[in-house]
Amino acid sequence: MDGYLPDPNEELLQWVKTDSQGFPFWHERSTFTLFPGYPMLDLICEKDEKPDSFTFTSEISDPKSLDLLHGLSIYHLIDEIIIYILPLTTGNGTDCLHRLPVNRWKLYRTVAFKNGIVRLIYRKSSR
C-alpha cells in the first residue's frame, strides 16, 4: 500500500505469486514471459515482428525485477499494467512506485479479493 516491495516471505506476496488469481493467471494467458536481464533491444525487434495477439508478460515482485520494469518503461514497451495492492505497509525497503512508467493510463478494471488484496488493471490511454 505504501509503494514498497513486501518482504519476499510475506504470505500475501506468496498468494500473488502462486494463486490462480495472481501471477499464474497472467502467465497462462501470455505467449512469452520476460525475465530480469532480458535485452530490451531484442524485445523491441521481436515485438515488431510478432502479431498483435502475441502477449509478453513480466513479473515485477523483487528488486532484481525492478530493472526490467525500468527498461520496459524507458522504451515505452508497456501497453497494460496489472498492480496487486497488498493490505500492508512496510515503511521502508525497495520503493517501486517511482519506477512505474509515466504515461497516461486509464483504469480498466479492479478486483478485490477476500484476503484484502486488490488487483488494478491499467491500460495505456490513447489521448
N, C-alpha and C. Protein backbone atom coordinates (compact mmCIF):
# COMPACT_ATOMS: atom_id res chain seq x y z
N MET A 1 0.81 -1.20 0.00
CA MET A 1 0.00 0.00 0.00
C MET A 1 0.85 1.26 0.00
N ASP A 2 2.05 1.16 0.57
CA ASP A 2 2.88 2.35 0.66
C ASP A 2 3.89 2.47 -0.48
N GLY A 3 3.82 1.57 -1.45
CA GLY A 3 4.70 1.65 -2.61
C GLY A 3 6.01 0.91 -2.48
N TYR A 4 6.22 0.23 -1.36
CA TYR A 4 7.43 -0.56 -1.18
C TYR A 4 7.15 -2.02 -1.46
N LEU A 5 8.15 -2.70 -1.99
CA LEU A 5 8.00 -4.13 -2.20
C LEU A 5 7.92 -4.84 -0.86
N PRO A 6 7.03 -5.82 -0.74
CA PRO A 6 6.94 -6.56 0.53
C PRO A 6 8.12 -7.50 0.70
N ASP A 7 8.29 -7.97 1.90
CA ASP A 7 9.31 -8.97 2.20
C ASP A 7 9.04 -10.20 1.33
N PRO A 8 10.08 -10.83 0.78
CA PRO A 8 9.87 -12.00 -0.09
C PRO A 8 9.11 -13.14 0.58
N ASN A 9 9.16 -13.22 1.89
CA ASN A 9 8.46 -14.29 2.60
C ASN A 9 7.05 -13.89 3.05
N GLU A 10 6.63 -12.69 2.70
CA GLU A 10 5.30 -12.21 3.09
C GLU A 10 4.24 -13.15 2.53
N GLU A 11 3.32 -13.59 3.37
CA GLU A 11 2.28 -14.54 3.00
C GLU A 11 1.42 -14.02 1.84
N LEU A 12 1.07 -12.74 1.88
CA LEU A 12 0.23 -12.19 0.82
C LEU A 12 0.97 -12.14 -0.52
N LEU A 13 2.26 -11.88 -0.49
CA LEU A 13 3.04 -11.91 -1.72
C LEU A 13 3.10 -13.33 -2.27
N GLN A 14 3.22 -14.30 -1.42
CA GLN A 14 3.23 -15.70 -1.85
C GLN A 14 1.90 -16.05 -2.51
N TRP A 15 0.81 -15.49 -2.01
CA TRP A 15 -0.51 -15.71 -2.63
C TRP A 15 -0.49 -15.16 -4.05
N VAL A 16 0.00 -13.93 -4.22
CA VAL A 16 0.05 -13.32 -5.56
C VAL A 16 0.90 -14.17 -6.51
N LYS A 17 1.99 -14.72 -6.01
CA LYS A 17 2.89 -15.49 -6.85
C LYS A 17 2.36 -16.88 -7.19
N THR A 18 1.47 -17.44 -6.37
CA THR A 18 1.08 -18.83 -6.57
C THR A 18 -0.41 -19.06 -6.83
N ASP A 19 -1.27 -18.17 -6.40
CA ASP A 19 -2.70 -18.39 -6.55
C ASP A 19 -3.13 -18.23 -8.01
N SER A 20 -4.18 -18.94 -8.37
CA SER A 20 -4.67 -18.89 -9.75
C SER A 20 -5.20 -17.51 -10.14
N GLN A 21 -5.44 -16.63 -9.18
CA GLN A 21 -5.87 -15.26 -9.49
C GLN A 21 -4.71 -14.26 -9.43
N GLY A 22 -3.52 -14.75 -9.11
CA GLY A 22 -2.33 -13.91 -9.04
C GLY A 22 -1.54 -14.00 -10.34
N PHE A 23 -0.22 -14.02 -10.22
CA PHE A 23 0.65 -14.07 -11.40
C PHE A 23 0.35 -15.25 -12.32
N PRO A 24 0.06 -16.45 -11.78
CA PRO A 24 -0.24 -17.57 -12.70
C PRO A 24 -1.40 -17.29 -13.65
N PHE A 25 -2.37 -16.48 -13.24
CA PHE A 25 -3.49 -16.11 -14.10
C PHE A 25 -2.98 -15.47 -15.39
N TRP A 26 -1.98 -14.59 -15.26
CA TRP A 26 -1.46 -13.87 -16.43
C TRP A 26 -0.47 -14.72 -17.21
N HIS A 27 0.31 -15.52 -16.52
CA HIS A 27 1.27 -16.37 -17.22
C HIS A 27 0.56 -17.38 -18.12
N GLU A 28 -0.59 -17.88 -17.71
CA GLU A 28 -1.36 -18.82 -18.54
C GLU A 28 -1.87 -18.16 -19.81
N ARG A 29 -2.06 -16.86 -19.78
CA ARG A 29 -2.62 -16.14 -20.92
C ARG A 29 -1.56 -15.49 -21.79
N SER A 30 -0.30 -15.57 -21.38
CA SER A 30 0.75 -14.92 -22.15
C SER A 30 1.38 -15.88 -23.14
N THR A 31 2.05 -15.30 -24.11
CA THR A 31 2.76 -16.09 -25.10
C THR A 31 4.22 -16.27 -24.67
N PHE A 32 4.77 -15.23 -24.04
CA PHE A 32 6.18 -15.27 -23.63
C PHE A 32 6.36 -14.46 -22.36
N THR A 33 7.09 -15.01 -21.40
CA THR A 33 7.37 -14.31 -20.15
C THR A 33 8.78 -13.75 -20.18
N LEU A 34 8.88 -12.44 -19.98
CA LEU A 34 10.18 -11.78 -19.93
C LEU A 34 10.81 -12.00 -18.56
N PHE A 35 12.10 -12.06 -18.51
CA PHE A 35 12.82 -12.28 -17.27
C PHE A 35 13.78 -11.11 -17.02
N PRO A 36 14.16 -10.89 -15.77
CA PRO A 36 15.14 -9.82 -15.49
C PRO A 36 16.41 -10.03 -16.31
N GLY A 37 16.88 -8.95 -16.88
CA GLY A 37 18.08 -9.02 -17.71
C GLY A 37 17.77 -9.25 -19.19
N TYR A 38 16.48 -9.39 -19.53
CA TYR A 38 16.13 -9.60 -20.93
C TYR A 38 16.57 -8.39 -21.75
N PRO A 39 17.26 -8.58 -22.86
CA PRO A 39 17.76 -7.44 -23.64
C PRO A 39 16.63 -6.64 -24.28
N MET A 40 16.56 -5.37 -23.96
CA MET A 40 15.49 -4.51 -24.46
C MET A 40 15.54 -4.34 -25.97
N LEU A 41 16.73 -4.25 -26.54
CA LEU A 41 16.82 -4.10 -28.00
C LEU A 41 16.28 -5.33 -28.71
N ASP A 42 16.55 -6.51 -28.17
CA ASP A 42 15.98 -7.74 -28.73
C ASP A 42 14.46 -7.70 -28.64
N LEU A 43 13.95 -7.26 -27.50
CA LEU A 43 12.50 -7.19 -27.32
C LEU A 43 11.86 -6.22 -28.31
N ILE A 44 12.49 -5.08 -28.54
CA ILE A 44 11.95 -4.10 -29.49
C ILE A 44 11.83 -4.74 -30.87
N CYS A 45 12.86 -5.44 -31.30
CA CYS A 45 12.83 -6.11 -32.61
C CYS A 45 11.78 -7.22 -32.64
N GLU A 46 11.74 -8.03 -31.59
CA GLU A 46 10.79 -9.13 -31.54
C GLU A 46 9.35 -8.63 -31.53
N LYS A 47 9.09 -7.58 -30.78
CA LYS A 47 7.73 -7.04 -30.68
C LYS A 47 7.22 -6.59 -32.04
N ASP A 48 8.08 -5.98 -32.83
CA ASP A 48 7.68 -5.52 -34.17
C ASP A 48 7.40 -6.68 -35.12
N GLU A 49 8.04 -7.84 -34.89
CA GLU A 49 7.89 -8.98 -35.78
C GLU A 49 6.71 -9.87 -35.42
N LYS A 50 6.18 -9.72 -34.22
CA LYS A 50 5.11 -10.62 -33.73
C LYS A 50 3.73 -10.06 -34.08
N PRO A 51 2.75 -10.96 -34.21
CA PRO A 51 1.37 -10.49 -34.43
C PRO A 51 0.83 -9.81 -33.17
N ASP A 52 -0.22 -9.03 -33.33
CA ASP A 52 -0.82 -8.32 -32.19
C ASP A 52 -1.31 -9.26 -31.09
N SER A 53 -1.62 -10.49 -31.45
CA SER A 53 -2.11 -11.44 -30.46
C SER A 53 -0.99 -11.99 -29.56
N PHE A 54 0.25 -11.74 -29.92
CA PHE A 54 1.39 -12.21 -29.14
C PHE A 54 1.48 -11.35 -27.88
N THR A 55 1.52 -11.98 -26.71
CA THR A 55 1.50 -11.26 -25.44
C THR A 55 2.75 -11.54 -24.62
N PHE A 56 3.49 -10.48 -24.34
CA PHE A 56 4.64 -10.57 -23.45
C PHE A 56 4.18 -10.22 -22.05
N THR A 57 4.65 -10.94 -21.04
CA THR A 57 4.36 -10.57 -19.65
C THR A 57 5.67 -10.53 -18.88
N SER A 58 5.64 -9.80 -17.78
CA SER A 58 6.77 -9.79 -16.87
C SER A 58 6.22 -9.68 -15.46
N GLU A 59 6.91 -10.31 -14.55
CA GLU A 59 6.51 -10.34 -13.14
C GLU A 59 7.49 -9.45 -12.38
N ILE A 60 6.96 -8.40 -11.77
CA ILE A 60 7.80 -7.46 -11.01
C ILE A 60 7.43 -7.64 -9.54
N SER A 61 8.33 -8.31 -8.80
CA SER A 61 8.00 -8.58 -7.40
C SER A 61 9.21 -8.54 -6.48
N ASP A 62 10.37 -8.21 -7.03
CA ASP A 62 11.57 -8.13 -6.20
C ASP A 62 12.50 -7.06 -6.77
N PRO A 63 13.50 -6.65 -6.02
CA PRO A 63 14.40 -5.58 -6.50
C PRO A 63 15.07 -5.89 -7.84
N LYS A 64 15.42 -7.14 -8.08
CA LYS A 64 16.08 -7.51 -9.33
C LYS A 64 15.16 -7.27 -10.53
N SER A 65 13.87 -7.55 -10.37
CA SER A 65 12.93 -7.39 -11.48
C SER A 65 12.58 -5.92 -11.73
N LEU A 66 12.87 -5.03 -10.78
CA LEU A 66 12.58 -3.61 -11.00
C LEU A 66 13.40 -3.03 -12.14
N ASP A 67 14.58 -3.57 -12.38
CA ASP A 67 15.38 -3.12 -13.53
C ASP A 67 14.66 -3.44 -14.84
N LEU A 68 13.98 -4.57 -14.89
CA LEU A 68 13.19 -4.92 -16.07
C LEU A 68 12.07 -3.91 -16.27
N LEU A 69 11.37 -3.57 -15.20
CA LEU A 69 10.31 -2.56 -15.28
C LEU A 69 10.87 -1.24 -15.79
N HIS A 70 12.02 -0.85 -15.29
CA HIS A 70 12.64 0.39 -15.72
C HIS A 70 12.93 0.35 -17.22
N GLY A 71 13.51 -0.75 -17.70
CA GLY A 71 13.81 -0.87 -19.12
C GLY A 71 12.56 -0.83 -19.99
N LEU A 72 11.54 -1.56 -19.58
CA LEU A 72 10.28 -1.55 -20.33
C LEU A 72 9.68 -0.16 -20.36
N SER A 73 9.83 0.56 -19.26
CA SER A 73 9.27 1.90 -19.14
C SER A 73 9.98 2.91 -20.04
N ILE A 74 11.30 2.93 -19.99
CA ILE A 74 12.01 3.97 -20.76
C ILE A 74 11.89 3.76 -22.27
N TYR A 75 11.64 2.53 -22.69
CA TYR A 75 11.44 2.26 -24.12
C TYR A 75 9.96 2.24 -24.50
N HIS A 76 9.09 2.61 -23.58
CA HIS A 76 7.64 2.70 -23.82
C HIS A 76 7.08 1.40 -24.40
N LEU A 77 7.45 0.29 -23.78
CA LEU A 77 7.03 -1.03 -24.25
C LEU A 77 5.85 -1.60 -23.48
N ILE A 78 5.28 -0.82 -22.59
CA ILE A 78 4.18 -1.33 -21.75
C ILE A 78 2.85 -0.81 -22.28
N ASP A 79 1.94 -1.73 -22.56
CA ASP A 79 0.60 -1.37 -23.00
C ASP A 79 -0.43 -1.51 -21.88
N GLU A 80 -0.13 -2.37 -20.91
CA GLU A 80 -1.06 -2.64 -19.82
C GLU A 80 -0.24 -2.93 -18.56
N ILE A 81 -0.73 -2.43 -17.43
CA ILE A 81 -0.08 -2.68 -16.15
C ILE A 81 -1.11 -3.28 -15.20
N ILE A 82 -0.74 -4.40 -14.59
CA ILE A 82 -1.59 -5.02 -13.57
C ILE A 82 -0.86 -4.87 -12.24
N ILE A 83 -1.49 -4.21 -11.30
CA ILE A 83 -0.89 -3.95 -10.00
C ILE A 83 -1.70 -4.67 -8.93
N TYR A 84 -0.99 -5.42 -8.09
CA TYR A 84 -1.62 -6.05 -6.93
C TYR A 84 -1.25 -5.22 -5.71
N ILE A 85 -2.24 -4.68 -5.03
CA ILE A 85 -2.01 -3.90 -3.82
C ILE A 85 -2.28 -4.81 -2.63
N LEU A 86 -1.26 -4.97 -1.80
CA LEU A 86 -1.38 -5.81 -0.61
C LEU A 86 -1.75 -4.94 0.58
N PRO A 87 -2.66 -5.40 1.42
CA PRO A 87 -3.11 -4.58 2.56
C PRO A 87 -2.08 -4.59 3.71
N LEU A 88 -0.92 -4.03 3.42
CA LEU A 88 0.10 -3.89 4.45
C LEU A 88 1.03 -2.74 4.08
N THR A 89 1.71 -2.21 5.07
CA THR A 89 2.70 -1.17 4.84
C THR A 89 4.00 -1.61 5.47
N THR A 90 5.09 -1.31 4.78
CA THR A 90 6.40 -1.66 5.32
C THR A 90 7.14 -0.43 5.81
N GLY A 91 6.93 0.71 5.14
CA GLY A 91 7.58 1.95 5.56
C GLY A 91 9.02 2.06 5.15
N ASN A 92 9.59 0.99 4.65
CA ASN A 92 10.98 1.05 4.17
C ASN A 92 11.22 -0.12 3.25
N GLY A 93 12.40 -0.16 2.69
CA GLY A 93 12.73 -1.23 1.76
C GLY A 93 12.94 -0.68 0.37
N THR A 94 12.48 -1.41 -0.62
CA THR A 94 12.65 -1.02 -2.02
C THR A 94 11.39 -0.35 -2.53
N ASP A 95 11.52 0.91 -2.88
CA ASP A 95 10.39 1.69 -3.39
C ASP A 95 10.21 1.35 -4.87
N CYS A 96 9.00 0.95 -5.24
CA CYS A 96 8.78 0.61 -6.64
C CYS A 96 7.88 1.61 -7.36
N LEU A 97 7.18 2.47 -6.65
CA LEU A 97 6.26 3.40 -7.31
C LEU A 97 6.96 4.36 -8.26
N HIS A 98 8.13 4.84 -7.88
CA HIS A 98 8.80 5.81 -8.75
C HIS A 98 9.33 5.17 -10.03
N ARG A 99 9.30 3.86 -10.12
CA ARG A 99 9.77 3.18 -11.34
C ARG A 99 8.64 2.86 -12.30
N LEU A 100 7.42 3.12 -11.89
CA LEU A 100 6.31 2.88 -12.81
C LEU A 100 6.37 3.91 -13.93
N PRO A 101 6.02 3.51 -15.14
CA PRO A 101 6.13 4.42 -16.27
C PRO A 101 5.18 5.61 -16.15
N VAL A 102 5.70 6.75 -16.55
CA VAL A 102 4.88 7.97 -16.53
C VAL A 102 4.27 8.10 -17.92
N ASN A 103 3.05 7.79 -18.02
CA ASN A 103 2.26 7.89 -19.25
C ASN A 103 0.84 8.21 -18.84
N ARG A 104 0.00 8.26 -19.80
CA ARG A 104 -1.41 8.41 -19.48
C ARG A 104 -2.03 7.03 -19.42
N TRP A 105 -2.53 6.70 -18.26
CA TRP A 105 -3.11 5.39 -18.03
C TRP A 105 -4.57 5.54 -17.65
N LYS A 106 -5.37 4.59 -18.09
CA LYS A 106 -6.79 4.58 -17.75
C LYS A 106 -7.08 3.30 -16.97
N LEU A 107 -7.73 3.46 -15.82
CA LEU A 107 -8.10 2.29 -15.04
C LEU A 107 -9.16 1.51 -15.82
N TYR A 108 -8.85 0.25 -16.08
CA TYR A 108 -9.72 -0.60 -16.88
C TYR A 108 -10.60 -1.48 -16.01
N ARG A 109 -10.02 -2.07 -14.96
CA ARG A 109 -10.79 -2.99 -14.12
C ARG A 109 -10.14 -3.10 -12.75
N THR A 110 -10.97 -3.33 -11.74
CA THR A 110 -10.47 -3.62 -10.40
C THR A 110 -11.15 -4.87 -9.87
N VAL A 111 -10.42 -5.62 -9.06
CA VAL A 111 -10.97 -6.80 -8.40
C VAL A 111 -10.44 -6.79 -6.98
N ALA A 112 -11.33 -6.97 -6.01
CA ALA A 112 -10.94 -7.10 -4.60
C ALA A 112 -11.12 -8.56 -4.19
N PHE A 113 -10.09 -9.10 -3.56
CA PHE A 113 -10.12 -10.49 -3.13
C PHE A 113 -10.42 -10.57 -1.64
N LYS A 114 -10.87 -11.73 -1.18
CA LYS A 114 -11.26 -11.92 0.22
C LYS A 114 -10.12 -11.66 1.21
N ASN A 115 -8.88 -11.85 0.76
CA ASN A 115 -7.73 -11.65 1.65
C ASN A 115 -7.30 -10.18 1.74
N GLY A 116 -8.04 -9.28 1.10
CA GLY A 116 -7.74 -7.85 1.16
C GLY A 116 -6.89 -7.34 0.02
N ILE A 117 -6.36 -8.22 -0.80
CA ILE A 117 -5.57 -7.80 -1.95
C ILE A 117 -6.50 -7.24 -3.01
N VAL A 118 -6.05 -6.17 -3.66
CA VAL A 118 -6.81 -5.55 -4.74
C VAL A 118 -5.95 -5.59 -6.00
N ARG A 119 -6.58 -5.99 -7.11
CA ARG A 119 -5.89 -6.01 -8.40
C ARG A 119 -6.43 -4.86 -9.24
N LEU A 120 -5.53 -4.03 -9.72
CA LEU A 120 -5.87 -2.91 -10.59
C LEU A 120 -5.27 -3.17 -11.97
N ILE A 121 -6.08 -2.99 -12.98
CA ILE A 121 -5.58 -3.15 -14.36
C ILE A 121 -5.69 -1.79 -15.04
N TYR A 122 -4.55 -1.30 -15.51
CA TYR A 122 -4.48 -0.04 -16.22
C TYR A 122 -4.08 -0.31 -17.66
N ARG A 123 -4.69 0.42 -18.57
CA ARG A 123 -4.30 0.35 -19.98
C ARG A 123 -3.85 1.73 -20.44
N LYS A 124 -2.93 1.72 -21.38
CA LYS A 124 -2.40 2.97 -21.89
C LYS A 124 -3.53 3.75 -22.56
N SER A 125 -3.63 4.99 -22.20
CA SER A 125 -4.67 5.85 -22.76
C SER A 125 -4.21 6.35 -24.11
N SER A 126 -5.14 6.48 -25.05
CA SER A 126 -4.81 6.91 -26.40
C SER A 126 -4.72 8.43 -26.54
N ARG A 127 -5.13 9.16 -25.53
CA ARG A 127 -5.09 10.63 -25.69
C ARG A 127 -3.81 11.22 -25.23
